[in-house]
Structure formats: structure tokens, C-alpha cells
């Protein structure tokens, strides 16, 4: 038996099915909103906001990505092939692949 799933976009304002609609996002008092609208209703929303947009100040576009501040100390960049080679030449038991133990990394850093 074959199944066919059909996804339809519904205008959030009037409930009509829309083929060529758009999703609009806006913010008010620190809260963001998203709404699916037909072209006609999207134009109505833009017209309603226009006087407020014209009088307001732009603060930029939200990136959607939270800003992060680095924590702790930076981890030094090492060439892991060199670390493995150094460890083998200095008597450490180390696999050809996988994670390198903190003990070996600390010894490598101390030697370099």
C-alpha cells in the first residue's frame, strides 16, 4: 500500500489554505512572534506596521544564534600525529587511533 503525505500551509489569520504564502517574524516588547500569512494578509500586516517602523529606530537584525563568551583557558593546538610519534619514541603506550590521554598530552606539552 502506498501512502502520500500532503503538507498544507494555513493562513494563521483567516484559516485559508495558502500555496504562495509567507512566514513573517516580528518582535514586540522583547518577545518574538512568527505567523504564516497569505500575500494579501502579509501586505495588510506590513501596512499596519509601517507607521511604527517609520517612526522607530532600527536596532539591527536578530541573528538567531546566541552569543557565547569563551570560558576557561584556551586549549593549545597540537599536531596529534607529532604527539603520537613523540609518545612512541619516549616510551609511552599509545594507540595509532583514538583519544590521546591527558597524561601523554601533559608530558608532550611539558617537553615542548
PDB file of N, CA and C in Angstrom:
ATOM      1  N   UNK A   1       0.834  -1.161   0.000  1.00  0.00           N
ATOM      2  CA  UNK A   1       0.000   0.000   0.000  1.00  0.00           C
ATOM      3  C   UNK A   1       0.889   1.238   0.000  1.00  0.00           C
ATOM      4  N   UNK A   2       0.614   2.173  -0.838  1.00  0.00           N
ATOM      5  CA  UNK A   2       1.372   3.419  -0.918  1.00  0.00           C
ATOM      6  C   UNK A   2       0.673   4.485  -0.082  1.00  0.00           C
ATOM      7  N   UNK A   3       1.489   5.354   0.486  1.00  0.00           N
ATOM      8  CA  UNK A   3       0.951   6.474   1.248  1.00  0.00           C
ATOM      9  C   UNK A   3       1.486   7.761   0.673  1.00  0.00           C
ATOM     10  N   UNK A   4       0.669   8.766   0.719  1.00  0.00           N
ATOM     11  CA  UNK A   4       1.073  10.077   0.246  1.00  0.00           C
ATOM     12  C   UNK A   4       0.720  11.093   1.330  1.00  0.00           C
ATOM     13  N   UNK A   5       1.740  11.772   1.827  1.00  0.00           N
ATOM     14  CA  UNK A   5       1.533  12.792   2.846  1.00  0.00           C
ATOM     15  C   UNK A   5       1.547  14.152   2.171  1.00  0.00           C
ATOM     16  N   UNK A   6       0.544  14.935   2.450  1.00  0.00           N
ATOM     17  CA  UNK A   6       0.432  16.270   1.869  1.00  0.00           C
ATOM     18  C   UNK A   6       0.498  17.291   3.001  1.00  0.00           C
ATOM     19  N   UNK A   7       1.388  18.244   2.849  1.00  0.00           N
ATOM     20  CA  UNK A   7       1.519  19.310   3.830  1.00  0.00           C
ATOM     21  C   UNK A   7       0.933  20.576   3.225  1.00  0.00           C
ATOM     22  N   UNK A   8       0.039  21.195   3.963  1.00  0.00           N
ATOM     23  CA  UNK A   8      -0.564  22.437   3.504  1.00  0.00           C
ATOM     24  C   UNK A   8      -0.249  23.529   4.512  1.00  0.00           C
ATOM     25  N   UNK A   9      -0.041  24.714   3.994  1.00  0.00           N
ATOM     26  CA  UNK A   9       0.168  25.866   4.863  1.00  0.00           C
ATOM     27  C   UNK A   9      -1.166  26.577   5.010  1.00  0.00           C
ATOM     28  N   UNK A  10      -1.499  26.877   6.247  1.00  0.00           N
ATOM     29  CA  UNK A  10      -2.769  27.535   6.551  1.00  0.00           C
ATOM     30  C   UNK A  10      -2.473  28.951   7.023  1.00  0.00           C
ATOM     31  N   UNK A  11      -3.227  29.907   6.494  1.00  0.00           N
ATOM     32  CA  UNK A  11      -3.103  31.298   6.937  1.00  0.00           C
ATOM     33  C   UNK A  11      -3.534  31.351   8.398  1.00  0.00           C
ATOM     34  N   UNK A  12      -2.627  31.805   9.265  1.00  0.00           N
ATOM     35  CA  UNK A  12      -2.920  31.837  10.691  1.00  0.00           C
ATOM     36  C   UNK A  12      -3.986  32.867  11.063  1.00  0.00           C
ATOM     37  N   UNK A  13      -4.251  33.816  10.183  1.00  0.00           N
ATOM     38  CA  UNK A  13      -5.224  34.858  10.492  1.00  0.00           C
ATOM     39  C   UNK A  13      -6.649  34.442  10.111  1.00  0.00           C
ATOM     40  N   UNK A  14      -6.820  33.947   8.886  1.00  0.00           N
ATOM     41  CA  UNK A  14      -8.182  33.636   8.442  1.00  0.00           C
ATOM     42  C   UNK A  14      -8.442  32.141   8.206  1.00  0.00           C
ATOM     43  N   UNK A  15      -7.425  31.288   8.373  1.00  0.00           N
ATOM     44  CA  UNK A  15      -7.629  29.845   8.250  1.00  0.00           C
ATOM     45  C   UNK A  15      -7.678  29.309   6.835  1.00  0.00           C
ATOM     46  N   UNK A  16      -7.446  30.150   5.850  1.00  0.00           N
ATOM     47  CA  UNK A  16      -7.488  29.677   4.465  1.00  0.00           C
ATOM     48  C   UNK A  16      -6.202  28.924   4.118  1.00  0.00           C
ATOM     49  N   UNK A  17      -6.321  27.994   3.158  1.00  0.00           N
ATOM     50  CA  UNK A  17      -5.158  27.250   2.679  1.00  0.00           C
ATOM     51  C   UNK A  17      -4.401  28.155   1.719  1.00  0.00           C
ATOM     52  N   UNK A  18      -3.089  28.259   1.908  1.00  0.00           N
ATOM     53  CA  UNK A  18      -2.289  29.139   1.058  1.00  0.00           C
ATOM     54  C   UNK A  18      -1.169  28.342   0.385  1.00  0.00           C
ATOM     55  N   UNK A  19      -1.029  28.557  -0.913  1.00  0.00           N
ATOM     56  CA  UNK A  19       0.031  27.907  -1.673  1.00  0.00           C
ATOM     57  C   UNK A  19       1.245  28.803  -1.801  1.00  0.00           C
ATOM     58  N   UNK A  20       1.033  30.094  -1.833  1.00  0.00           N
ATOM     59  CA  UNK A  20       2.123  31.035  -2.071  1.00  0.00           C
ATOM     60  C   UNK A  20       2.289  31.984  -0.885  1.00  0.00           C
ATOM     61  N   UNK A  21       2.083  31.466   0.319  1.00  0.00           N
ATOM     62  CA  UNK A  21       2.165  32.305   1.497  1.00  0.00           C
ATOM     63  C   UNK A  21       3.587  32.520   1.961  1.00  0.00           C
ATOM     64  N   UNK A  22       3.685  33.230   3.040  1.00  0.00           N
ATOM     65  CA  UNK A  22       4.989  33.539   3.595  1.00  0.00           C
ATOM     66  C   UNK A  22       4.920  33.475   5.117  1.00  0.00           C
ATOM     67  N   UNK A  23       6.049  33.207   5.732  1.00  0.00           N
ATOM     68  CA  UNK A  23       6.134  33.238   7.186  1.00  0.00           C
ATOM     69  C   UNK A  23       6.812  34.538   7.581  1.00  0.00           C
ATOM     70  N   UNK A  24       6.127  35.329   8.377  1.00  0.00           N
ATOM     71  CA  UNK A  24       6.667  36.602   8.834  1.00  0.00           C
ATOM     72  C   UNK A  24       7.041  36.476  10.303  1.00  0.00           C
ATOM     73  N   UNK A  25       8.143  37.100  10.674  1.00  0.00           N
ATOM     74  CA  UNK A  25       8.536  37.157  12.077  1.00  0.00           C
ATOM     75  C   UNK A  25       8.573  38.615  12.502  1.00  0.00           C
ATOM     76  N   UNK A  26       8.179  38.855  13.738  1.00  0.00           N
ATOM     77  CA  UNK A  26       8.250  40.205  14.279  1.00  0.00           C
ATOM     78  C   UNK A  26       8.414  40.105  15.786  1.00  0.00           C
ATOM     79  N   UNK A  27       8.840  41.205  16.385  1.00  0.00           N
ATOM     80  CA  UNK A  27       9.045  41.244  17.828  1.00  0.00           C
ATOM     81  C   UNK A  27       8.302  42.430  18.403  1.00  0.00           C
ATOM     82  N   UNK A  28       7.818  42.237  19.622  1.00  0.00           N
ATOM     83  CA  UNK A  28       7.149  43.313  20.334  1.00  0.00           C
ATOM     84  C   UNK A  28       7.419  43.128  21.811  1.00  0.00           C
ATOM     85  N   UNK A  29       7.942  44.172  22.437  1.00  0.00           N
ATOM     86  CA  UNK A  29       8.251  44.166  23.864  1.00  0.00           C
ATOM     87  C   UNK A  29       9.127  42.983  24.271  1.00  0.00           C
ATOM     88  N   UNK A  30      10.147  42.719  23.430  1.00  0.00           N
ATOM     89  CA  UNK A  30      11.124  41.686  23.745  1.00  0.00           C
ATOM     90  C   UNK A  30      10.687  40.257  23.445  1.00  0.00           C
ATOM     91  N   UNK A  31       9.525  40.082  22.887  1.00  0.00           N
ATOM     92  CA  UNK A  31       9.041  38.744  22.566  1.00  0.00           C
ATOM     93  C   UNK A  31       8.895  38.609  21.058  1.00  0.00           C
ATOM     94  N   UNK A  32       9.421  37.507  20.495  1.00  0.00           N
ATOM     95  CA  UNK A  32       9.381  37.289  19.045  1.00  0.00           C
ATOM     96  C   UNK A  32       8.176  36.435  18.682  1.00  0.00           C
ATOM     97  N   UNK A  33       7.622  36.729  17.514  1.00  0.00           N
ATOM     98  CA  UNK A  33       6.454  36.014  17.009  1.00  0.00           C
ATOM     99  C   UNK A  33       6.701  35.593  15.567  1.00  0.00           C
ATOM    100  N   UNK A  34       6.000  34.560  15.137  1.00  0.00           N
ATOM    101  CA  UNK A  34       6.074  34.077  13.765  1.00  0.00           C
ATOM    102  C   UNK A  34       4.648  33.774  13.325  1.00  0.00           C
ATOM    103  N   UNK A  35       4.302  34.152  12.089  1.00  0.00           N
ATOM    104  CA  UNK A  35       2.943  33.945  11.600  1.00  0.00           C
ATOM    105  C   UNK A  35       2.987  33.606  10.113  1.00  0.00           C
ATOM    106  N   UNK A  36       2.179  32.639   9.710  1.00  0.00           N
ATOM    107  CA  UNK A  36       2.050  32.269   8.293  1.00  0.00           C
ATOM    108  C   UNK A  36       0.864  33.028   7.721  1.00  0.00           C
ATOM    109  N   UNK A  37       1.113  33.748   6.627  1.00  0.00           N
ATOM    110  CA  UNK A  37       0.058  34.571   6.046  1.00  0.00           C
ATOM    111  C   UNK A  37       0.027  34.454   4.532  1.00  0.00           C
ATOM    112  N   UNK A  38      -1.159  34.655   3.982  1.00  0.00           N
ATOM    113  CA  UNK A  38      -1.303  34.766   2.523  1.00  0.00           C
ATOM    114  C   UNK A  38      -0.663  36.086   2.109  1.00  0.00           C
ATOM    115  N   UNK A  39      -0.349  36.230   0.828  1.00  0.00           N
ATOM    116  CA  UNK A  39       0.233  37.510   0.397  1.00  0.00           C
ATOM    117  C   UNK A  39      -0.637  38.717   0.763  1.00  0.00           C
ATOM    118  N   UNK A  40      -1.964  38.564   0.651  1.00  0.00           N
ATOM    119  CA  UNK A  40      -2.875  39.671   0.960  1.00  0.00           C
ATOM    120  C   UNK A  40      -2.781  40.045   2.443  1.00  0.00           C
ATOM    121  N   UNK A  41      -2.820  39.056   3.319  1.00  0.00           N
ATOM    122  CA  UNK A  41      -2.749  39.348   4.751  1.00  0.00           C
ATOM    123  C   UNK A  41      -1.350  39.800   5.175  1.00  0.00           C
ATOM    124  N   UNK A  42      -0.310  39.309   4.500  1.00  0.00           N
ATOM    125  CA  UNK A  42       1.046  39.765   4.786  1.00  0.00           C
ATOM    126  C   UNK A  42       1.174  41.251   4.446  1.00  0.00           C
ATOM    127  N   UNK A  43       0.602  41.650   3.319  1.00  0.00           N
ATOM    128  CA  UNK A  43       0.613  43.070   2.947  1.00  0.00           C
ATOM    129  C   UNK A  43      -0.137  43.915   3.972  1.00  0.00           C
ATOM    130  N   UNK A  44      -1.266  43.406   4.469  1.00  0.00           N
ATOM    131  CA  UNK A  44      -2.031  44.130   5.485  1.00  0.00           C
ATOM    132  C   UNK A  44      -1.200  44.335   6.759  1.00  0.00           C
ATOM    133  N   UNK A  45      -0.477  43.283   7.161  1.00  0.00           N
ATOM    134  CA  UNK A  45       0.356  43.390   8.358  1.00  0.00           C
ATOM    135  C   UNK A  45       1.467  44.421   8.151  1.00  0.00           C
ATOM    136  N   UNK A  46       2.110  44.348   6.989  1.00  0.00           N
ATOM    137  CA  UNK A  46       3.188  45.310   6.705  1.00  0.00           C
ATOM    138  C   UNK A  46       2.656  46.745   6.709  1.00  0.00           C
ATOM    139  N   UNK A  47       1.467  46.952   6.111  1.00  0.00           N
ATOM    140  CA  UNK A  47       0.866  48.286   6.087  1.00  0.00           C
ATOM    141  C   UNK A  47       0.531  48.761   7.501  1.00  0.00           C
ATOM    142  N   UNK A  48       0.059  47.850   8.344  1.00  0.00           N
ATOM    143  CA  UNK A  48      -0.287  48.233   9.713  1.00  0.00           C
ATOM    144  C   UNK A  48       0.960  48.621  10.508  1.00  0.00           C
ATOM    145  N   UNK A  49       2.063  47.928  10.274  1.00  0.00           N
ATOM    146  CA  UNK A  49       3.305  48.220  10.993  1.00  0.00           C
ATOM    147  C   UNK A  49       4.041  49.444  10.429  1.00  0.00           C
ATOM    148  N   UNK A  50       3.786  49.818   9.196  1.00  0.00           N
ATOM    149  CA  UNK A  50       4.570  50.842   8.507  1.00  0.00           C
ATOM    150  C   UNK A  50       4.718  52.142   9.284  1.00  0.00           C
ATOM    151  N   UNK A  51       3.664  52.724   9.846  1.00  0.00           N
ATOM    152  CA  UNK A  51       3.856  53.984  10.577  1.00  0.00           C
ATOM    153  C   UNK A  51       4.770  53.821  11.793  1.00  0.00           C
ATOM    154  N   UNK A  52       4.707  52.674  12.441  1.00  0.00           N
ATOM    155  CA  UNK A  52       5.533  52.438  13.625  1.00  0.00           C
ATOM    156  C   UNK A  52       6.986  52.169  13.238  1.00  0.00           C
ATOM    157  N   UNK A  53       7.175  51.466  12.132  1.00  0.00           N
ATOM    158  CA  UNK A  53       8.527  51.203  11.626  1.00  0.00           C
ATOM    159  C   UNK A  53       9.183  52.510  11.200  1.00  0.00           C
ATOM    160  N   UNK A  54       8.412  53.352  10.507  1.00  0.00           N
ATOM    161  CA  UNK A  54       8.947  54.629  10.031  1.00  0.00           C
ATOM    162  C   UNK A  54       9.356  55.527  11.203  1.00  0.00           C
ATOM    163  N   UNK A  55       8.630  55.477  12.300  1.00  0.00           N
ATOM    164  CA  UNK A  55       8.927  56.335  13.450  1.00  0.00           C
ATOM    165  C   UNK A  55       9.946  55.705  14.398  1.00  0.00           C
ATOM    166  N   UNK A  56      10.158  54.406  14.281  1.00  0.00           N
ATOM    167  CA  UNK A  56      11.046  53.707  15.221  1.00  0.00           C
ATOM    168  C   UNK A  56      12.504  53.765  14.806  1.00  0.00           C
ATOM    169  N   UNK A  57      13.359  53.223  15.657  1.00  0.00           N
ATOM    170  CA  UNK A  57      14.790  53.132  15.405  1.00  0.00           C
ATOM    171  C   UNK A  57      15.140  51.672  15.164  1.00  0.00           C
ATOM    172  N   UNK A  58      15.938  51.415  14.155  1.00  0.00           N
ATOM    173  CA  UNK A  58      16.387  50.055  13.873  1.00  0.00           C
ATOM    174  C   UNK A  58      17.501  49.686  14.839  1.00  0.00           C
ATOM    175  N   UNK A  59      17.408  48.500  15.411  1.00  0.00           N
ATOM    176  CA  UNK A  59      18.471  48.029  16.298  1.00  0.00           C
ATOM    177  C   UNK A  59      19.189  46.839  15.695  1.00  0.00           C
ATOM    178  N   UNK A  60      19.002  46.616  14.418  1.00  0.00           N
ATOM    179  CA  UNK A  60      19.665  45.516  13.732  1.00  0.00           C
ATOM    180  C   UNK A  60      18.765  44.302  13.641  1.00  0.00           C
ATOM    181  N   UNK A  61      19.273  43.310  12.974  1.00  0.00           N
ATOM    182  CA  UNK A  61      18.523  42.074  12.792  1.00  0.00           C
ATOM    183  C   UNK A  61      18.995  41.033  13.788  1.00  0.00           C
ATOM    184  N   UNK A  62      18.063  40.307  14.370  1.00  0.00           N
ATOM    185  CA  UNK A  62      18.496  39.237  15.274  1.00  0.00           C
ATOM    186  C   UNK A  62      19.157  38.128  14.486  1.00  0.00           C
ATOM    187  N   UNK A  63      20.251  37.599  14.995  1.00  0.00           N
ATOM    188  CA  UNK A  63      20.980  36.553  14.274  1.00  0.00           C
ATOM    189  C   UNK A  63      20.383  35.186  14.505  1.00  0.00           C
ATOM    190  N   UNK A  64      19.635  35.015  15.590  1.00  0.00           N
ATOM    191  CA  UNK A  64      19.089  33.709  15.900  1.00  0.00           C
ATOM    192  C   UNK A  64      20.098  32.797  16.586  1.00  0.00           C
ATOM    193  N   UNK A  65      21.335  33.247  16.661  1.00  0.00           N
ATOM    194  CA  UNK A  65      22.382  32.444  17.282  1.00  0.00           C
ATOM    195  C   UNK A  65      22.787  33.133  18.578  1.00  0.00           C
ATOM    196  N   UNK A  66      22.640  32.438  19.701  1.00  0.00           N
ATOM    197  CA  UNK A  66      23.029  33.085  20.949  1.00  0.00           C
ATOM    198  C   UNK A  66      24.519  33.377  20.988  1.00  0.00           C
ATOM    199  N   UNK A  67      24.862  34.512  21.539  1.00  0.00           N
ATOM    200  CA  UNK A  67      26.275  34.875  21.666  1.00  0.00           C
ATOM    201  C   UNK A  67      26.856  34.157  22.856  1.00  0.00           C
ATOM    202  N   UNK A  68      28.045  33.624  22.684  1.00  0.00           N
ATOM    203  CA  UNK A  68      28.701  32.905  23.765  1.00  0.00           C
ATOM    204  C   UNK A  68      30.035  33.549  24.067  1.00  0.00           C
ATOM    205  N   UNK A  69      30.340  33.589  25.331  1.00  0.00           N
ATOM    206  CA  UNK A  69      31.640  34.106  25.736  1.00  0.00           C
ATOM    207  C   UNK A  69      32.527  32.921  26.083  1.00  0.00           C
ATOM    208  N   UNK A  70      33.783  32.981  25.677  1.00  0.00           N
ATOM    209  CA  UNK A  70      34.671  31.857  25.981  1.00  0.00           C
ATOM    210  C   UNK A  70      34.890  31.742  27.484  1.00  0.00           C
ATOM    211  N   UNK A  71      34.964  30.513  27.934  1.00  0.00           N
ATOM    212  CA  UNK A  71      35.202  30.262  29.352  1.00  0.00           C
ATOM    213  C   UNK A  71      36.500  29.501  29.517  1.00  0.00           C
ATOM    214  N   UNK A  72      37.133  29.719  30.644  1.00  0.00           N
ATOM    215  CA  UNK A  72      38.336  28.960  30.949  1.00  0.00           C
ATOM    216  C   UNK A  72      39.504  29.368  30.071  1.00  0.00           C
ATOM    217  N   UNK A  73      40.531  28.548  30.106  1.00  0.00           N
ATOM    218  CA  UNK A  73      41.718  28.858  29.322  1.00  0.00           C
ATOM    219  C   UNK A  73      41.632  28.198  27.953  1.00  0.00           C
ATOM    220  N   UNK A  74      42.331  28.760  27.013  1.00  0.00           N
ATOM    221  CA  UNK A  74      42.336  28.218  25.660  1.00  0.00           C
ATOM    222  C   UNK A  74      43.162  26.938  25.624  1.00  0.00           C
ATOM    223  N   UNK A  75      42.692  25.975  24.849  1.00  0.00           N
ATOM    224  CA  UNK A  75      43.412  24.711  24.694  1.00  0.00           C
ATOM    225  C   UNK A  75      44.423  24.885  23.573  1.00  0.00           C
ATOM    226  N   UNK A  76      45.699  24.569  23.832  1.00  0.00           N
ATOM    227  CA  UNK A  76      46.702  24.746  22.784  1.00  0.00           C
ATOM    228  C   UNK A  76      46.439  23.803  21.613  1.00  0.00           C
ATOM    229  N   UNK A  77      46.763  24.264  20.439  1.00  0.00           N
ATOM    230  CA  UNK A  77      46.615  23.447  19.244  1.00  0.00           C
ATOM    231  C   UNK A  77      47.853  22.578  19.087  1.00  0.00           C
ATOM    232  N   UNK A  78      47.630  21.300  18.883  1.00  0.00           N
ATOM    233  CA  UNK A  78      48.744  20.366  18.742  1.00  0.00           C
ATOM    234  C   UNK A  78      48.530  19.540  17.481  1.00  0.00           C
ATOM    235  N   UNK A  79      49.605  19.144  16.850  1.00  0.00           N
ATOM    236  CA  UNK A  79      49.548  18.200  15.746  1.00  0.00           C
ATOM    237  C   UNK A  79      49.550  16.803  16.372  1.00  0.00           C
ATOM    238  N   UNK A  80      48.420  16.121  16.317  1.00  0.00           N
ATOM    239  CA  UNK A  80      48.290  14.845  17.016  1.00  0.00           C
ATOM    240  C   UNK A  80      49.177  13.754  16.436  1.00  0.00           C
ATOM    241  N   UNK A  81      49.531  13.870  15.171  1.00  0.00           N
ATOM    242  CA  UNK A  81      50.490  12.917  14.585  1.00  0.00           C
ATOM    243  C   UNK A  81      51.843  13.080  15.273  1.00  0.00           C
ATOM    244  N   UNK A  82      52.245  14.329  15.490  1.00  0.00           N
ATOM    245  CA  UNK A  82      53.504  14.592  16.200  1.00  0.00           C
ATOM    246  C   UNK A  82      53.436  14.101  17.643  1.00  0.00           C
ATOM    247  N   UNK A  83      52.289  14.288  18.290  1.00  0.00           N
ATOM    248  CA  UNK A  83      52.141  13.843  19.672  1.00  0.00           C
ATOM    249  C   UNK A  83      52.286  12.330  19.745  1.00  0.00           C
ATOM    250  N   UNK A  84      51.626  11.605  18.831  1.00  0.00           N
ATOM    251  CA  UNK A  84      51.715  10.135  18.832  1.00  0.00           C
ATOM    252  C   UNK A  84      53.148   9.674  18.570  1.00  0.00           C
ATOM    253  N   UNK A  85      53.788  10.298  17.615  1.00  0.00           N
ATOM    254  CA  UNK A  85      55.170   9.943  17.295  1.00  0.00           C
ATOM    255  C   UNK A  85      56.080  10.200  18.485  1.00  0.00           C
ATOM    256  N   UNK A  86      55.946  11.373  19.112  1.00  0.00           N
ATOM    257  CA  UNK A  86      56.745  11.708  20.274  1.00  0.00           C
ATOM    258  C   UNK A  86      56.512  10.701  21.399  1.00  0.00           C
ATOM    259  N   UNK A  87      55.220  10.349  21.641  1.00  0.00           N
ATOM    260  CA  UNK A  87      54.889   9.419  22.723  1.00  0.00           C
ATOM    261  C   UNK A  87      55.508   8.044  22.482  1.00  0.00           C
ATOM    262  N   UNK A  88      55.442   7.561  21.246  1.00  0.00           N
ATOM    263  CA  UNK A  88      56.039   6.252  20.931  1.00  0.00           C
ATOM    264  C   UNK A  88      57.547   6.285  21.125  1.00  0.00           C
ATOM    265  N   UNK A  89      58.199   7.364  20.700  1.00  0.00           N
ATOM    266  CA  UNK A  89      59.656   7.493  20.818  1.00  0.00           C
ATOM    267  C   UNK A  89      60.118   7.692  22.257  1.00  0.00           C
ATOM    268  N   UNK A  90      59.174   8.080  23.147  1.00  0.00           N
ATOM    269  CA  UNK A  90      59.539   8.341  24.531  1.00  0.00           C
ATOM    270  C   UNK A  90      58.951   7.316  25.501  1.00  0.00           C
ATOM    271  N   UNK A  91      58.588   6.139  24.974  1.00  0.00           N
ATOM    272  CA  UNK A  91      58.199   5.022  25.829  1.00  0.00           C
ATOM    273  C   UNK A  91      56.767   5.005  26.326  1.00  0.00           C
ATOM    274  N   UNK A  92      55.914   5.847  25.796  1.00  0.00           N
ATOM    275  CA  UNK A  92      54.510   5.821  26.199  1.00  0.00           C
ATOM    276  C   UNK A  92      53.752   4.798  25.356  1.00  0.00           C
ATOM    277  N   UNK A  93      52.819   4.068  25.976  1.00  0.00           N
ATOM    278  CA  UNK A  93      51.950   3.144  25.246  1.00  0.00           C
ATOM    279  C   UNK A  93      50.801   3.973  24.668  1.00  0.00           C
ATOM    280  N   UNK A  94      50.714   4.006  23.350  1.00  0.00           N
ATOM    281  CA  UNK A  94      49.696   4.831  22.698  1.00  0.00           C
ATOM    282  C   UNK A  94      49.179   4.108  21.465  1.00  0.00           C
ATOM    283  N   UNK A  95      47.881   4.191  21.231  1.00  0.00           N
ATOM    284  CA  UNK A  95      47.270   3.581  20.044  1.00  0.00           C
ATOM    285  C   UNK A  95      47.480   4.473  18.831  1.00  0.00           C
ATOM    286  N   UNK A  96      47.364   3.864  17.651  1.00  0.00           N
ATOM    287  CA  UNK A  96      47.501   4.632  16.411  1.00  0.00           C
ATOM    288  C   UNK A  96      46.285   5.520  16.149  1.00  0.00           C
ATOM    289  N   UNK A  97      45.174   5.196  16.788  1.00  0.00           N
ATOM    290  CA  UNK A  97      43.943   5.962  16.590  1.00  0.00           C
ATOM    291  C   UNK A  97      43.262   6.174  17.925  1.00  0.00           C
ATOM    292  N   UNK A  98      42.322   7.095  17.939  1.00  0.00           N
ATOM    293  CA  UNK A  98      41.525   7.329  19.139  1.00  0.00           C
ATOM    294  C   UNK A  98      42.040   8.474  19.990  1.00  0.00           C
ATOM    295  N   UNK A  99      41.439   8.579  21.152  1.00  0.00           N
ATOM    296  CA  UNK A  99      41.750   9.668  22.068  1.00  0.00           C
ATOM    297  C   UNK A  99      43.138   9.490  22.681  1.00  0.00           C
ATOM    298  N   UNK A 100      43.829  10.591  22.828  1.00  0.00           N
ATOM    299  CA  UNK A 100      45.143  10.591  23.467  1.00  0.00           C
ATOM    300  C   UNK A 100      44.940  11.001  24.922  1.00  0.00           C
ATOM    301  N   UNK A 101      45.492  10.243  25.846  1.00  0.00           N
ATOM    302  CA  UNK A 101      45.267  10.508  27.265  1.00  0.00           C
ATOM    303  C   UNK A 101      45.827  11.862  27.676  1.00  0.00           C
ATOM    304  N   UNK A 102      45.228  12.396  28.728  1.00  0.00           N
ATOM    305  CA  UNK A 102      45.679  13.671  29.274  1.00  0.00           C
ATOM    306  C   UNK A 102      47.101  13.601  29.802  1.00  0.00           C
ATOM    307  N   UNK A 103      47.497  12.428  30.298  1.00  0.00           N
ATOM    308  CA  UNK A 103      48.859  12.252  30.811  1.00  0.00           C
ATOM    309  C   UNK A 103      49.882  12.433  29.700  1.00  0.00           C
ATOM    310  N   UNK A 104      49.601  11.826  28.551  1.00  0.00           N
ATOM    311  CA  UNK A 104      50.523  11.941  27.411  1.00  0.00           C
ATOM    312  C   UNK A 104      50.548  13.371  26.899  1.00  0.00           C
ATOM    313  N   UNK A 105      49.375  13.996  26.796  1.00  0.00           N
ATOM    314  CA  UNK A 105      49.321  15.382  26.317  1.00  0.00           C
ATOM    315  C   UNK A 105      50.074  16.326  27.256  1.00  0.00           C
ATOM    316  N   UNK A 106      49.929  16.113  28.562  1.00  0.00           N
ATOM    317  CA  UNK A 106      50.636  16.954  29.527  1.00  0.00           C
ATOM    318  C   UNK A 106      52.147  16.759  29.420  1.00  0.00           C
ATOM    319  N   UNK A 107      52.592  15.500  29.236  1.00  0.00           N
ATOM    320  CA  UNK A 107      54.028  15.222  29.089  1.00  0.00           C
ATOM    321  C   UNK A 107      54.562  15.849  27.803  1.00  0.00           C
ATOM    322  N   UNK A 108      53.796  15.751  26.726  1.00  0.00           N
ATOM    323  CA  UNK A 108      54.188  16.346  25.434  1.00  0.00           C
ATOM    324  C   UNK A 108      54.328  17.869  25.598  1.00  0.00           C
ATOM    325  N   UNK A 109      53.309  18.494  26.230  1.00  0.00           N
ATOM    326  CA  UNK A 109      53.343  19.953  26.428  1.00  0.00           C
ATOM    327  C   UNK A 109      54.544  20.359  27.284  1.00  0.00           C
ATOM    328  N   UNK A 110      54.836  19.580  28.317  1.00  0.00           N
ATOM    329  CA  UNK A 110      55.981  19.894  29.188  1.00  0.00           C
ATOM    330  C   UNK A 110      57.302  19.784  28.435  1.00  0.00           C
ATOM    331  N   UNK A 111      57.369  18.850  27.488  1.00  0.00           N
ATOM    332  CA  UNK A 111      58.612  18.646  26.721  1.00  0.00           C
ATOM    333  C   UNK A 111      58.767  19.684  25.611  1.00  0.00           C
ATOM    334  N   UNK A 112      57.710  20.337  25.252  1.00  0.00           N
ATOM    335  CA  UNK A 112      57.782  21.307  24.149  1.00  0.00           C
ATOM    336  C   UNK A 112      57.512  22.664  24.685  1.00  0.00           C
TER     337      UNK A 112
END
